[in-house]
Protein backbone atom coordinates (compact mmCIF):
# COMPACT_ATOMS: atom_id res chain seq x y z
CA UNK A 1 0.04 -0.22 -0.32
CA UNK A 2 1.33 3.32 -1.29
CA UNK A 3 1.56 6.57 1.56
CA UNK A 4 -1.68 8.03 -1.28
CA UNK A 5 -3.33 5.57 -0.44
CA UNK A 6 -2.91 5.36 3.27
CA UNK A 7 -3.67 8.71 3.76
CA UNK A 8 -6.97 7.97 1.71
CA UNK A 9 -7.79 5.52 3.65
CA UNK A 10 -7.67 7.48 7.00
CA UNK A 11 -10.66 9.77 5.34
CA UNK A 12 -12.64 6.66 4.69
CA UNK A 13 -15.43 6.34 6.51
CA UNK A 14 -14.95 3.45 9.06
CA UNK A 15 -18.27 2.05 8.60
CA UNK A 16 -22.55 2.33 8.15
CA UNK A 17 -23.81 4.66 11.62
CA UNK A 18 -25.41 2.93 13.49
CA UNK A 19 -28.80 3.09 15.00
CA UNK A 20 -29.35 0.51 17.99
CA UNK A 21 -32.40 -1.20 18.31
CA UNK A 22 -32.07 -4.38 19.51
CA UNK A 23 -33.70 -2.98 22.56
CA UNK A 24 -36.78 -2.03 21.37
CA UNK A 25 -37.36 -6.26 19.96
CA UNK A 26 -37.98 -9.30 22.03
CA UNK A 27 -39.77 -12.69 21.56
CA UNK A 28 -36.50 -14.19 19.02
CA UNK A 29 -37.05 -16.82 16.76
CA UNK A 30 -34.45 -18.40 14.63
CA UNK A 31 -35.97 -18.36 11.16
CA UNK A 32 -33.13 -20.03 9.34
CA UNK A 33 -29.18 -19.91 9.72
CA UNK A 34 -25.65 -20.43 7.30
CA UNK A 35 -22.14 -19.86 7.10
CA UNK A 36 -22.60 -16.85 7.58
CA UNK A 37 -24.32 -15.88 10.54
CA UNK A 38 -28.62 -16.40 11.75
CA UNK A 39 -31.64 -15.13 10.57
CA UNK A 40 -34.95 -14.38 13.32
CA UNK A 41 -38.49 -13.27 13.48
CA UNK A 42 -38.78 -10.35 16.40
CA UNK A 43 -41.85 -8.29 17.94
CA UNK A 44 -41.34 -4.82 18.75
CA UNK A 45 -42.01 -4.63 22.06
CA UNK A 46 -44.96 -1.66 21.75
CA UNK A 47 -45.78 -1.77 18.56
CA UNK A 48 -46.04 -5.66 18.15
CA UNK A 49 -44.63 -5.81 14.62
CA UNK A 50 -42.89 -8.70 13.10
CA UNK A 51 -39.49 -7.50 11.96
CA UNK A 52 -36.10 -9.95 10.39
CA UNK A 53 -33.28 -9.75 12.29
CA UNK A 54 -30.24 -10.76 11.31
CA UNK A 55 -27.09 -11.69 13.16
CA UNK A 56 -24.13 -11.63 11.35
CA UNK A 57 -20.11 -12.33 13.39
CA UNK A 58 -18.44 -10.68 9.29
CA UNK A 59 -14.81 -12.20 10.26
CA UNK A 60 -13.13 -11.21 7.20
CA UNK A 61 -12.68 -8.07 5.13
CA UNK A 62 -14.45 -9.25 2.13
CA UNK A 63 -17.70 -9.55 3.98
CA UNK A 64 -17.53 -6.51 5.84
CA UNK A 65 -17.19 -5.03 2.93
CA UNK A 66 -20.15 -6.69 1.40
CA UNK A 67 -22.10 -5.40 4.17
CA UNK A 68 -21.67 -2.83 4.12
CA UNK A 69 -22.40 -2.01 0.87
CA UNK A 70 -25.86 -4.01 1.53
CA UNK A 71 -26.37 -1.38 4.13
CA UNK A 72 -25.38 1.37 1.83
CA UNK A 73 -28.16 0.70 -0.96
CA UNK A 74 -30.85 -0.83 1.28
CA UNK A 75 -30.93 1.52 4.54
CA UNK A 76 -30.84 4.00 1.90
CA UNK A 77 -34.06 2.64 -0.35
CA UNK A 78 -37.56 2.42 0.54
CA UNK A 79 -39.06 1.01 -2.35
CA UNK A 80 -42.04 -1.66 -2.73
CA UNK A 81 -39.92 -4.24 -4.57
CA UNK A 82 -37.02 -3.97 -2.49
CA UNK A 83 -36.48 -5.49 0.98
CA UNK A 84 -36.48 -3.10 3.24
CA UNK A 85 -33.47 -2.51 5.70
CA UNK A 86 -34.67 -0.56 9.00
CA UNK A 87 -31.44 -0.20 11.17
CA UNK A 88 -27.93 -1.56 12.27
CA UNK A 89 -25.62 -2.32 15.26
CA UNK A 90 -22.64 -3.85 16.68
CA UNK A 91 -23.08 -5.31 19.83
CA UNK A 92 -21.22 -8.66 21.48
CA UNK A 93 -18.21 -8.60 18.45
CA UNK A 94 -21.62 -9.57 15.88
CA UNK A 95 -22.72 -7.36 13.32
CA UNK A 96 -26.69 -7.16 13.59
CA UNK A 97 -29.14 -5.75 10.88
CA UNK A 98 -33.02 -5.05 11.01
CA UNK A 99 -35.21 -5.41 8.18
CA UNK A 100 -38.85 -5.82 7.29
CA UNK A 101 -40.58 -8.41 7.61
CA UNK A 102 -41.48 -10.66 4.23
CA UNK A 103 -43.64 -13.29 3.89
CA UNK A 104 -42.81 -15.02 0.61
CA UNK A 105 -40.69 -17.49 -0.96
CA UNK A 106 -37.28 -17.06 -3.10
CA UNK A 107 -37.91 -17.94 -7.10
CA UNK A 108 -35.56 -20.38 -6.54
CA UNK A 109 -38.17 -22.57 -3.59
CA UNK A 110 -40.78 -21.68 -5.87
CA UNK A 111 -39.72 -23.46 -9.13
CA UNK A 112 -37.88 -26.55 -6.47
CA UNK A 113 -40.91 -26.76 -5.13
CA UNK A 114 -42.87 -26.85 -9.06
CA UNK A 115 -40.62 -29.43 -9.97
CA UNK A 116 -40.88 -31.65 -7.26
CA UNK A 117 -43.83 -33.76 -9.38
CA UNK A 118 -41.82 -35.85 -11.56
CA UNK A 119 -44.67 -34.64 -13.61
CA UNK A 120 -44.73 -31.65 -13.88
CA UNK A 121 -43.79 -29.54 -16.84
CA UNK A 122 -43.71 -25.87 -17.31
CA UNK A 123 -45.51 -23.65 -17.36
CA UNK A 124 -45.75 -23.18 -14.03
CA UNK A 125 -47.51 -19.88 -13.68
CA UNK A 126 -50.44 -17.88 -15.71
CA UNK A 127 -49.38 -15.59 -18.11
CA UNK A 128 -50.45 -13.04 -16.20
CA UNK A 129 -48.79 -13.78 -12.83
CA UNK A 130 -45.05 -14.33 -15.05
CA UNK A 131 -46.08 -10.79 -16.24
CA UNK A 132 -46.94 -9.68 -12.59
CA UNK A 133 -43.75 -11.08 -11.15
CA UNK A 134 -41.75 -9.42 -14.35
CA UNK A 135 -42.87 -6.26 -13.87
CA UNK A 136 -42.54 -6.00 -10.35
CA UNK A 137 -38.78 -7.48 -10.95
CA UNK A 138 -38.25 -5.24 -13.25
CA UNK A 139 -39.91 -1.81 -11.32
CA UNK A 140 -36.63 -2.58 -7.96
CA UNK A 141 -34.45 -2.90 -11.27
CA UNK A 142 -35.07 0.18 -11.67
CA UNK A 143 -35.00 2.16 -8.97
CA UNK A 144 -31.78 0.55 -8.07
CA UNK A 145 -30.08 1.92 -11.42
CA UNK A 146 -32.05 5.16 -11.08
CA UNK A 147 -29.70 5.40 -7.54
CA UNK A 148 -26.37 4.97 -9.47
CA UNK A 149 -26.43 1.30 -7.91
CA UNK A 150 -25.55 -2.29 -10.56
CA UNK A 151 -27.26 -5.59 -7.99
CA UNK A 152 -25.29 -7.56 -10.49
CA UNK A 153 -27.02 -10.79 -9.00
CA UNK A 154 -29.59 -10.77 -9.86
CA UNK A 155 -30.96 -14.83 -10.01
CA UNK A 156 -33.85 -16.86 -8.70
CA UNK A 157 -32.60 -16.29 -5.47
CA UNK A 158 -32.43 -12.80 -4.31
CA UNK A 159 -35.78 -12.77 -6.31
CA UNK A 160 -38.51 -12.40 -3.24
CA UNK A 161 -42.53 -13.45 -4.10
CA UNK A 162 -45.70 -13.49 -2.28
CA UNK A 163 -48.92 -14.61 -2.99
CA UNK A 164 -47.52 -17.56 -5.85
CA UNK A 165 -48.68 -21.22 -6.34
CA UNK A 166 -47.13 -23.58 -8.65
CA UNK A 167 -50.04 -23.73 -11.69
CA UNK A 168 -52.30 -21.74 -9.40
CA UNK A 169 -53.63 -20.76 -12.31
CA UNK A 170 -52.86 -23.53 -15.01
CA UNK A 171 -54.95 -26.76 -13.54
CA UNK A 172 -57.55 -24.13 -11.25
CA UNK A 173 -58.54 -22.70 -14.53
CA UNK A 174 -59.00 -25.90 -16.85
CA UNK A 175 -60.82 -27.02 -14.13
CA UNK A 176 -62.63 -23.70 -13.78
CA UNK A 177 -63.93 -23.81 -17.81
CA UNK A 178 -67.33 -24.09 -16.12
CA UNK A 179 -67.81 -20.96 -14.24
CA UNK A 180 -68.19 -18.76 -17.20
CA UNK A 181 -65.07 -16.46 -18.59
CA UNK A 182 -65.30 -13.49 -16.50
CA UNK A 183 -65.69 -15.33 -13.26
CA UNK A 184 -62.18 -16.56 -13.78
CA UNK A 185 -61.27 -13.37 -15.85
CA UNK A 186 -61.80 -12.01 -12.30
CA UNK A 187 -60.11 -14.70 -10.14
CA UNK A 188 -56.96 -14.82 -12.47
CA UNK A 189 -56.92 -11.03 -11.58
CA UNK A 190 -57.72 -11.00 -7.61
CA UNK A 191 -54.76 -13.83 -7.11
CA UNK A 192 -52.55 -11.31 -9.88
CA UNK A 193 -53.12 -8.27 -7.58
CA UNK A 194 -51.60 -10.25 -4.77
CA UNK A 195 -48.80 -11.17 -5.96
CA UNK A 196 -45.94 -9.02 -4.28
CA UNK A 197 -42.21 -9.44 -5.29
CA UNK A 198 -38.55 -7.86 -4.01
CA UNK A 199 -35.62 -8.16 -4.63
CA UNK A 200 -32.34 -8.83 -1.81
CA UNK A 201 -29.10 -9.33 -0.88
CA UNK A 202 -27.12 -6.39 -2.19
CA UNK A 203 -23.23 -7.56 -1.22
CA UNK A 204 -21.54 -7.54 -3.75
CA UNK A 205 -23.82 -4.55 -5.51
CA UNK A 206 -21.06 -1.77 -7.35
CA UNK A 207 -21.82 2.16 -8.18
CA UNK A 208 -22.57 2.85 -11.61
CA UNK A 209 -18.25 3.56 -12.74
CA UNK A 210 -17.02 2.19 -9.75
CA UNK A 211 -14.32 -0.56 -10.69
CA UNK A 212 -14.86 -2.62 -7.90
CA UNK A 213 -14.21 -6.14 -7.34
CA UNK A 214 -17.75 -7.93 -9.69
CA UNK A 215 -18.84 -11.47 -8.16
CA UNK A 216 -22.72 -13.56 -8.65
CA UNK A 217 -23.55 -17.02 -9.70
CA UNK A 218 -22.28 -18.69 -12.89
CA UNK A 219 -25.31 -19.41 -14.29
CA UNK A 220 -26.66 -16.01 -14.70
CA UNK A 221 -23.52 -13.65 -15.45
CA UNK A 222 -23.50 -11.42 -18.30
CA UNK A 223 -21.18 -12.07 -21.11
CA UNK A 224 -19.10 -9.08 -20.63
CA UNK A 225 -19.39 -9.72 -16.70
CA UNK A 226 -18.19 -13.29 -16.85
CA UNK A 227 -15.24 -11.85 -19.43
CA UNK A 228 -14.11 -9.57 -16.37
CA UNK A 229 -15.34 -6.01 -18.15
CA UNK A 230 -14.45 -3.27 -16.13
CA UNK A 231 -16.99 -0.99 -15.55
CA UNK A 232 -18.71 1.41 -18.36
CA UNK A 233 -18.79 1.91 -22.26
CA UNK A 234 -19.50 -1.47 -23.31
CA UNK A 235 -18.25 -3.42 -20.55
CA UNK A 236 -20.86 -3.83 -17.08
CA UNK A 237 -23.84 -1.64 -16.85
CA UNK A 238 -27.67 -1.73 -16.71
CA UNK A 239 -27.21 -3.89 -19.25
CA UNK A 240 -25.66 -6.74 -17.31
CA UNK A 241 -28.31 -6.28 -14.79
CA UNK A 242 -30.75 -6.99 -17.26
CA UNK A 243 -29.42 -9.93 -18.33
CA UNK A 244 -29.24 -11.29 -15.53
CA UNK A 245 -33.17 -10.62 -15.07
CA UNK A 246 -33.61 -12.21 -18.85
CA UNK A 247 -32.13 -15.45 -17.45
CA UNK A 248 -33.73 -15.41 -13.99
CA UNK A 249 -37.53 -14.86 -15.61
CA UNK A 250 -35.82 -17.61 -18.30
CA UNK A 251 -35.82 -19.96 -16.09
CA UNK A 252 -39.57 -19.48 -14.01
CA UNK A 253 -40.74 -19.99 -17.92
CA UNK A 254 -39.06 -22.39 -18.43
CA UNK A 255 -37.92 -24.40 -15.62
CA UNK A 256 -33.95 -24.03 -16.64
CA UNK A 257 -31.45 -21.49 -17.73
CA UNK A 258 -30.68 -20.04 -21.05
CA UNK A 259 -27.67 -21.48 -20.70
CA UNK A 260 -26.27 -25.37 -19.03
CA UNK A 261 -23.29 -26.86 -19.13
CA UNK A 262 -23.64 -30.41 -20.84
CA UNK A 263 -23.23 -31.89 -17.36
CA UNK A 264 -26.56 -30.99 -16.75
CA UNK A 265 -28.32 -31.76 -20.79
CA UNK A 266 -27.61 -35.46 -19.67
CA UNK A 267 -28.68 -35.91 -16.66
CA UNK A 268 -32.31 -34.65 -16.90
CA UNK A 269 -35.13 -32.27 -16.99
CA UNK A 270 -35.28 -31.38 -13.25
CA UNK A 271 -31.20 -29.78 -13.42
CA UNK A 272 -31.59 -27.78 -9.51
CA UNK A 273 -31.61 -32.45 -9.37
CA UNK A 274 -28.60 -32.69 -9.43
CA UNK A 275 -26.86 -29.15 -9.12
CA UNK A 276 -25.10 -31.01 -5.67
CA UNK A 277 -23.87 -33.57 -8.05
CA UNK A 278 -22.28 -30.63 -9.85
CA UNK A 279 -20.75 -29.33 -6.75
CA UNK A 280 -18.94 -32.34 -6.17
CA UNK A 281 -16.91 -32.15 -9.60
CA UNK A 282 -13.19 -31.52 -9.91
CA UNK A 283 -12.71 -28.04 -10.10
CA UNK A 284 -11.04 -28.15 -13.39
CA UNK A 285 -13.40 -30.14 -14.64
CA UNK A 286 -16.71 -27.40 -13.84
CA UNK A 287 -14.13 -25.43 -14.91
CA UNK A 288 -14.19 -27.25 -18.62
CA UNK A 289 -18.15 -27.08 -18.11
CA UNK A 290 -18.30 -23.23 -17.02
CA UNK A 291 -16.23 -22.45 -20.33
CA UNK A 292 -18.61 -24.16 -22.87
CA UNK A 293 -21.04 -22.93 -21.04
CA UNK A 294 -19.42 -19.31 -21.42
CA UNK A 295 -19.15 -19.62 -24.57
CA UNK A 296 -22.34 -21.38 -25.76
CA UNK A 297 -22.89 -17.16 -24.55
CA UNK A 298 -21.24 -15.31 -27.20
CA UNK A 299 -22.04 -17.54 -30.00
CA UNK A 300 -25.59 -18.74 -30.42
CA UNK A 301 -28.94 -17.48 -28.00
CA UNK A 302 -31.31 -20.00 -26.23
CA UNK A 303 -34.44 -22.11 -27.79
CA UNK A 304 -37.04 -18.80 -26.71
CA UNK A 305 -39.23 -20.85 -28.49
CA UNK A 306 -39.76 -23.11 -24.98
CA UNK A 307 -41.12 -19.98 -23.49
CA UNK A 308 -44.89 -20.19 -23.22
CA UNK A 309 -46.55 -17.21 -23.10
CA UNK A 310 -46.77 -15.45 -26.69
CA UNK A 311 -44.44 -14.12 -28.68
CA UNK A 312 -44.43 -10.10 -27.19
CA UNK A 313 -42.58 -12.01 -24.21
CA UNK A 314 -40.11 -14.17 -25.74
CA UNK A 315 -38.99 -11.15 -27.80
CA UNK A 316 -38.78 -8.61 -24.55
CA UNK A 317 -36.78 -11.86 -22.83
CA UNK A 318 -34.91 -12.02 -25.87
CA UNK A 319 -33.84 -8.29 -26.19
CA UNK A 320 -32.64 -8.53 -22.14
CA UNK A 321 -30.04 -11.69 -22.85
CA UNK A 322 -28.88 -10.11 -26.45
CA UNK A 323 -25.06 -10.71 -27.16
CA UNK A 324 -23.17 -8.34 -28.36
CA UNK A 325 -24.05 -6.40 -25.93
CA UNK A 326 -24.86 -3.03 -28.53
CA UNK A 327 -28.13 -5.14 -28.80
CA UNK A 328 -30.01 -5.73 -25.50
CA UNK A 329 -31.55 -3.22 -23.69
CA UNK A 330 -29.30 -0.82 -23.00
CA UNK A 331 -31.04 1.24 -19.78
CA UNK A 332 -33.98 -0.90 -17.19
CA UNK A 333 -35.72 2.04 -17.79
CA UNK A 334 -37.04 0.95 -21.54
CA UNK A 335 -37.08 -2.44 -20.43
CA UNK A 336 -39.80 -1.02 -17.60
CA UNK A 337 -41.90 1.02 -20.14
CA UNK A 338 -42.02 -2.79 -22.17
CA UNK A 339 -43.06 -4.44 -19.53
CA UNK A 340 -45.90 -2.06 -18.38
CA UNK A 341 -46.99 -2.61 -22.03
CA UNK A 342 -47.17 -5.57 -21.66
CA UNK A 343 -49.02 -6.05 -18.46
CA UNK A 344 -51.70 -2.85 -18.87
CA UNK A 345 -54.59 -4.92 -19.91
CA UNK A 346 -53.95 -7.13 -16.50
C-alpha cells in the first residue's frame, strides 16, 4: 500500500452509521442459519410488529465490505419491490441488521417445489402471474439503477415473491371452465393482484462507474461480467443486470436457465436435482463445463420457443439476453416501459 492509499484510508468512513434497535425487540425466533450468520423473527415491544433480525460475524474484510455495501444500498431505499433494511448496530462482536419481515419464498424455492412432482411441466404460472412477477422485478431493478447502483447478482435465489401458488392458474382455470370466462378472469386478476415481489442481497453491488471486485452466479452472469470487462461503456453496466434478470425470468418460464453445461443436459429435466452432484465435481472439470457454457452465450441464442407466454414476451426476453451487448436493452427504464405495455391490460 502506497502513501497516498494510507492517507486516503484515514478519510474513508469506518462503516455504516449505527441505529441501535435490539433493546426495542423481543420474542426472537430462529428463522434460519447459514455460514454467514443466523436469521430471526422478532417483535417490536410496543407496536408488536414483526421484523427480521440478522446476526452476522463478518470475520473477514471481504465479508464486512459486502455487509457495508448492502447497508449502503438498502438503508437508503424505500421501494415496494426491494427488501427494506431498517437499522444496524454492532454488539458483542457481531453485526446486527433489522429488516422488514416479508412472508414469501425465493423464485428458486418456488421452482424446486414446482418441479418436485416428476410429472411437472412448465408453465408453472399463468401468463398473467408471470407478467406480474416480471413487471415488479423490473420496477425494483430500475429503482436500484436510478439511484446509481448495479446489483450484479440477480438470480432466482435473490428475488422473493409472495402470492405465488405453483400451477395455480394452469390447472385451476382448466377445471373452472364451467364457471364462465368472466368469473375465471376475475379470479385470475385477484390472484395476480396479491403477488408481491422483492429484490434482495446487494452484497456484490457496485456504484455505476465504480471499478470494484465483481461477483455473481456463473449461471446468470452476462458475458461481459463473466469475461471480467471493466465497468462502463461497452463493459459492465445496467445491461449486465438486465441480462441476469432475463436469464432468471427465462428459467421461471421454462424450468431451466438459458444456458446449462452439458453435464446437466445428460442428467434429466430438473437440473436443480443434480446441483450437489455438480458441485462435487473436480474444480478443473467444472471450469471446463463453465467455459463451454460461457462460449455458448457468445455464439448462440437460447431456445426462445420454449417460453410458453407468447411472442411479445419472447421478444422482450430475447432483447434482455442479446449478445453482442449493443443489441441488448441499454437502460432498465426502457425495459420497464416495454414491460408496462405488456401488462397494461392485466
